C-alpha atoms as a PDB file:
ATOM      1  CA  MET A   1      74.288 126.046 104.550  1.00  0.00           C
ATOM      2  CA  ARG A   2      72.017 124.990 107.338  1.00  0.00           C
ATOM      3  CA  ALA A   3      68.495 126.256 107.651  1.00  0.00           C
ATOM      4  CA  VAL A   4      65.751 125.873 110.199  1.00  0.00           C
ATOM      5  CA  ILE A   5      62.487 126.606 108.433  1.00  0.00           C
ATOM      6  CA  GLN A   6      59.462 127.309 110.592  1.00  0.00           C
ATOM      7  CA  ARG A   7      55.911 127.783 109.369  1.00  0.00           C
ATOM      8  CA  VAL A   8      54.558 130.730 111.325  1.00  0.00           C
ATOM      9  CA  THR A   9      51.371 132.708 111.782  1.00  0.00           C
ATOM     10  CA  SER A  10      53.581 135.645 112.823  1.00  0.00           C
ATOM     11  CA  ALA A  11      57.243 136.448 113.367  1.00  0.00           C
ATOM     12  CA  ASN A  12      59.324 139.537 113.978  1.00  0.00           C
ATOM     13  CA  VAL A  13      62.865 140.710 114.632  1.00  0.00           C
ATOM     14  CA  VAL A  14      63.580 143.454 117.163  1.00  0.00           C
ATOM     15  CA  ILE A  15      66.947 145.242 117.286  1.00  0.00           C
ATOM     16  CA  ASN A  16      67.643 147.854 119.989  1.00  0.00           C
ATOM     17  CA  ASN A  17      63.949 147.870 120.968  1.00  0.00           C
ATOM     18  CA  ASN A  18      62.906 148.673 117.381  1.00  0.00           C
ATOM     19  CA  VAL A  19      61.036 146.264 115.115  1.00  0.00           C
ATOM     20  CA  ARG A  20      63.294 145.607 112.132  1.00  0.00           C
ATOM     21  CA  SER A  21      60.958 143.222 110.276  1.00  0.00           C
ATOM     22  CA  SER A  22      57.602 141.617 110.868  1.00  0.00           C
ATOM     23  CA  ILE A  23      55.547 139.070 108.922  1.00  0.00           C
ATOM     24  CA  SER A  24      52.232 137.325 109.322  1.00  0.00           C
ATOM     25  CA  ASN A  25      51.534 133.941 107.685  1.00  0.00           C
ATOM     26  CA  GLY A  26      54.701 132.583 106.158  1.00  0.00           C
ATOM     27  CA  LEU A  27      58.130 131.201 106.949  1.00  0.00           C
ATOM     28  CA  LEU A  28      60.792 132.184 109.443  1.00  0.00           C
ATOM     29  CA  ILE A  29      64.146 130.909 108.198  1.00  0.00           C
ATOM     30  CA  LEU A  30      67.190 130.769 110.456  1.00  0.00           C
ATOM     31  CA  VAL A  31      70.254 130.291 108.256  1.00  0.00           C
ATOM     32  CA  GLY A  32      73.854 129.424 109.101  1.00  0.00           C
ATOM     33  CA  ILE A  33      76.729 129.650 106.644  1.00  0.00           C
ATOM     34  CA  GLU A  34      80.048 127.805 106.640  1.00  0.00           C
ATOM     35  CA  ASP A  35      83.180 128.406 104.562  1.00  0.00           C
ATOM     36  CA  SER A  36      82.516 125.511 102.192  1.00  0.00           C
ATOM     37  CA  ASP A  37      79.135 126.959 101.138  1.00  0.00           C
ATOM     38  CA  THR A  38      78.820 128.134  97.553  1.00  0.00           C
ATOM     39  CA  THR A  39      76.391 129.906  95.249  1.00  0.00           C
ATOM     40  CA  GLU A  40      75.119 126.469  94.218  1.00  0.00           C
ATOM     41  CA  ASP A  41      74.173 125.771  97.851  1.00  0.00           C
ATOM     42  CA  LEU A  42      72.124 128.927  98.191  1.00  0.00           C
ATOM     43  CA  ILE A  43      70.401 128.444  94.818  1.00  0.00           C
ATOM     44  CA  TRP A  44      69.446 124.881  95.759  1.00  0.00           C
ATOM     45  CA  LEU A  45      68.269 125.912  99.242  1.00  0.00           C
ATOM     46  CA  SER A  46      66.196 128.823  97.947  1.00  0.00           C
ATOM     47  CA  ALA A  47      64.418 126.619  95.404  1.00  0.00           C
ATOM     48  CA  LYS A  48      63.775 123.999  98.077  1.00  0.00           C
ATOM     49  CA  VAL A  49      62.356 126.578 100.519  1.00  0.00           C
ATOM     50  CA  VAL A  50      59.936 128.263  98.129  1.00  0.00           C
ATOM     51  CA  ASN A  51      58.650 124.936  96.821  1.00  0.00           C
ATOM     52  CA  LEU A  52      58.339 123.005 100.118  1.00  0.00           C
ATOM     53  CA  ARG A  53      54.729 121.838 100.334  1.00  0.00           C
ATOM     54  CA  ILE A  54      54.180 122.513 104.041  1.00  0.00           C
ATOM     55  CA  PHE A  55      51.039 124.663 103.922  1.00  0.00           C
ATOM     56  CA  ASN A  56      47.518 123.307 104.067  1.00  0.00           C
ATOM     57  CA  ASP A  57      45.366 123.252 100.964  1.00  0.00           C
ATOM     58  CA  ALA A  58      41.565 123.638 100.979  1.00  0.00           C
ATOM     59  CA  ASP A  59      41.242 120.061 102.271  1.00  0.00           C
ATOM     60  CA  GLY A  60      43.600 120.633 105.198  1.00  0.00           C
ATOM     61  CA  VAL A  61      46.422 118.605 103.653  1.00  0.00           C
ATOM     62  CA  MET A  62      49.992 119.981 103.579  1.00  0.00           C
ATOM     63  CA  ASN A  63      50.085 120.257  99.826  1.00  0.00           C
ATOM     64  CA  GLU A  64      50.939 123.891  99.090  1.00  0.00           C
ATOM     65  CA  SER A  65      54.151 125.918  99.145  1.00  0.00           C
ATOM     66  CA  ILE A  66      54.858 129.430 100.398  1.00  0.00           C
ATOM     67  CA  LYS A  67      54.742 130.464  96.747  1.00  0.00           C
ATOM     68  CA  ASP A  68      51.277 128.916  96.325  1.00  0.00           C
ATOM     69  CA  GLN A  69      50.058 130.628  99.483  1.00  0.00           C
ATOM     70  CA  GLY A  70      51.541 134.050  98.714  1.00  0.00           C
ATOM     71  CA  GLY A  71      53.006 134.183 102.215  1.00  0.00           C
ATOM     72  CA  ASP A  72      55.996 136.134 103.465  1.00  0.00           C
ATOM     73  CA  ILE A  73      59.510 135.016 104.374  1.00  0.00           C
ATOM     74  CA  LEU A  74      61.667 136.388 107.191  1.00  0.00           C
ATOM     75  CA  VAL A  75      65.355 135.360 107.051  1.00  0.00           C
ATOM     76  CA  VAL A  76      67.617 135.641 110.098  1.00  0.00           C
ATOM     77  CA  SER A  77      71.326 134.806 110.077  1.00  0.00           C
ATOM     78  CA  GLN A  78      72.338 132.439 112.862  1.00  0.00           C
ATOM     79  CA  PHE A  79      75.948 131.260 113.074  1.00  0.00           C
ATOM     80  CA  THR A  80      75.095 128.998 116.039  1.00  0.00           C
ATOM     81  CA  LEU A  81      73.483 126.531 113.615  1.00  0.00           C
ATOM     82  CA  HIS A  82      77.044 125.363 112.943  1.00  0.00           C
ATOM     83  CA  ALA A  83      77.857 124.750 116.608  1.00  0.00           C
ATOM     84  CA  SER A  84      79.922 121.686 117.365  1.00  0.00           C
ATOM     85  CA  THR A  85      79.132 120.051 120.713  1.00  0.00           C
ATOM     86  CA  LYS A  86      81.404 117.048 120.222  1.00  0.00           C
ATOM     87  CA  LYS A  87      83.912 118.010 122.887  1.00  0.00           C
ATOM     88  CA  GLY A  88      83.132 119.519 126.280  1.00  0.00           C
ATOM     89  CA  ASN A  89      80.138 121.625 127.206  1.00  0.00           C
ATOM     90  CA  ARG A  90      81.030 124.862 125.466  1.00  0.00           C
ATOM     91  CA  PRO A  91      79.997 124.761 121.799  1.00  0.00           C
ATOM     92  CA  SER A  92      82.620 125.531 119.184  1.00  0.00           C
ATOM     93  CA  TYR A  93      81.635 127.748 116.272  1.00  0.00           C
ATOM     94  CA  ILE A  94      84.798 127.157 114.247  1.00  0.00           C
ATOM     95  CA  LYS A  95      82.778 125.882 111.243  1.00  0.00           C
ATOM     96  CA  ALA A  96      80.661 129.035 111.041  1.00  0.00           C
ATOM     97  CA  SER A  97      81.915 131.488 108.434  1.00  0.00           C
ATOM     98  CA  LYS A  98      83.283 134.841 109.481  1.00  0.00           C
ATOM     99  CA  PRO A  99      81.471 137.964 108.207  1.00  0.00           C
ATOM    100  CA  PRO A 100      83.663 138.567 105.110  1.00  0.00           C
ATOM    101  CA  VAL A 101      82.555 135.173 103.752  1.00  0.00           C
ATOM    102  CA  ALA A 102      79.118 134.877 105.344  1.00  0.00           C
ATOM    103  CA  ILE A 103      77.632 138.306 104.605  1.00  0.00           C
ATOM    104  CA  PRO A 104      77.886 138.107 100.796  1.00  0.00           C
ATOM    105  CA  LEU A 105      76.417 134.570 100.783  1.00  0.00           C
ATOM    106  CA  TYR A 106      73.638 135.622 103.163  1.00  0.00           C
ATOM    107  CA  GLU A 107      72.778 138.605 100.961  1.00  0.00           C
ATOM    108  CA  GLN A 108      72.852 136.427  97.821  1.00  0.00           C
ATOM    109  CA  PHE A 109      70.553 133.924  99.547  1.00  0.00           C
ATOM    110  CA  VAL A 110      68.045 136.683 100.364  1.00  0.00           C
ATOM    111  CA  GLN A 111      68.215 137.954  96.765  1.00  0.00           C
ATOM    112  CA  GLN A 112      67.725 134.431  95.406  1.00  0.00           C
ATOM    113  CA  LEU A 113      64.701 133.908  97.668  1.00  0.00           C
ATOM    114  CA  GLN A 114      63.218 137.182  96.407  1.00  0.00           C
ATOM    115  CA  THR A 115      63.732 136.063  92.816  1.00  0.00           C
ATOM    116  CA  ASP A 116      62.306 132.581  93.407  1.00  0.00           C
ATOM    117  CA  LEU A 117      59.380 133.854  95.498  1.00  0.00           C
ATOM    118  CA  GLY A 118      58.650 136.803  93.234  1.00  0.00           C
ATOM    119  CA  LYS A 119      58.334 139.308  96.063  1.00  0.00           C
ATOM    120  CA  PRO A 120      60.424 141.049  98.745  1.00  0.00           C
ATOM    121  CA  VAL A 121      61.865 138.971 101.583  1.00  0.00           C
ATOM    122  CA  PHE A 122      62.223 140.412 105.082  1.00  0.00           C
ATOM    123  CA  THR A 123      65.422 140.109 107.107  1.00  0.00           C
ATOM    124  CA  GLY A 124      67.106 140.642 110.409  1.00  0.00           C
ATOM    125  CA  GLU A 125      70.487 142.360 110.518  1.00  0.00           C
ATOM    126  CA  PHE A 126      73.597 140.270 110.074  1.00  0.00           C
ATOM    127  CA  GLY A 127      75.679 140.231 113.268  1.00  0.00           C
ATOM    128  CA  ALA A 128      73.220 142.272 115.318  1.00  0.00           C
ATOM    129  CA  ASP A 129      71.876 141.283 118.729  1.00  0.00           C
ATOM    130  CA  MET A 130      68.379 140.347 117.611  1.00  0.00           C
ATOM    131  CA  LYS A 131      65.284 139.371 119.535  1.00  0.00           C
ATOM    132  CA  VAL A 132      63.288 136.990 117.356  1.00  0.00           C
ATOM    133  CA  SER A 133      59.676 136.214 118.191  1.00  0.00           C
ATOM    134  CA  LEU A 134      57.442 133.747 116.415  1.00  0.00           C
ATOM    135  CA  LEU A 135      54.207 131.883 116.667  1.00  0.00           C
ATOM    136  CA  ASN A 136      54.972 128.508 115.120  1.00  0.00           C
ATOM    137  CA  ASP A 137      52.035 127.197 113.097  1.00  0.00           C
ATOM    138  CA  GLY A 138      51.414 123.483 113.485  1.00  0.00           C
ATOM    139  CA  PRO A 139      54.113 123.345 114.683  1.00  0.00           C
ATOM    140  CA  VAL A 140      55.913 122.761 111.402  1.00  0.00           C
ATOM    141  CA  THR A 141      59.703 122.940 111.595  1.00  0.00           C
ATOM    142  CA  ILE A 142      62.041 121.592 108.901  1.00  0.00           C
ATOM    143  CA  VAL A 143      65.840 121.424 109.157  1.00  0.00           C
ATOM    144  CA  ILE A 144      67.861 121.374 105.937  1.00  0.00           C
ATOM    145  CA  ASP A 145      71.616 121.056 105.418  1.00  0.00           C
ATOM    146  CA  THR A 146      72.717 121.651 101.828  1.00  0.00           C
ATOM    147  CA  LYS A 147      75.647 119.296 102.313  1.00  0.00           C
ATOM    148  CA  ASN A 148      73.228 116.378 102.897  1.00  0.00           C
ATOM    149  CA  LYS A 149      70.526 117.496 100.440  1.00  0.00           C
ATOM    150  CA  GLU A 150      67.898 115.926 102.721  1.00  0.00           C
END
């Protein structure tokens, strides 16, 4: 799994001119799934996300997690995170999982985040044409690939 984690002061997802989800202070997570991803990947990624110390404490030091802050999470599926640009100028998405594989893992990831965070997690809609807006806070943007565990 690949995730782009952005600390935001606000973020929302609009589908067909209707707001699907909206959060204020928290994390916007763009997540891409490939066929080799497993339940272990999503459990590891969820734990990493909710415990990342990327929020300021009372002294202005990034020393608190989303869990410490009580912030919200918005998760959006994004198959383009697995784009290969090795050959030519048109990206290949061959590594990105097709919906029968990706949807169950995406839904499990959202459920795991809810369990680890202890509150509901907001989402986009898998496979929909979404308009995602955000106000990046910092900016703080972290990229994680569960295959590298970095």
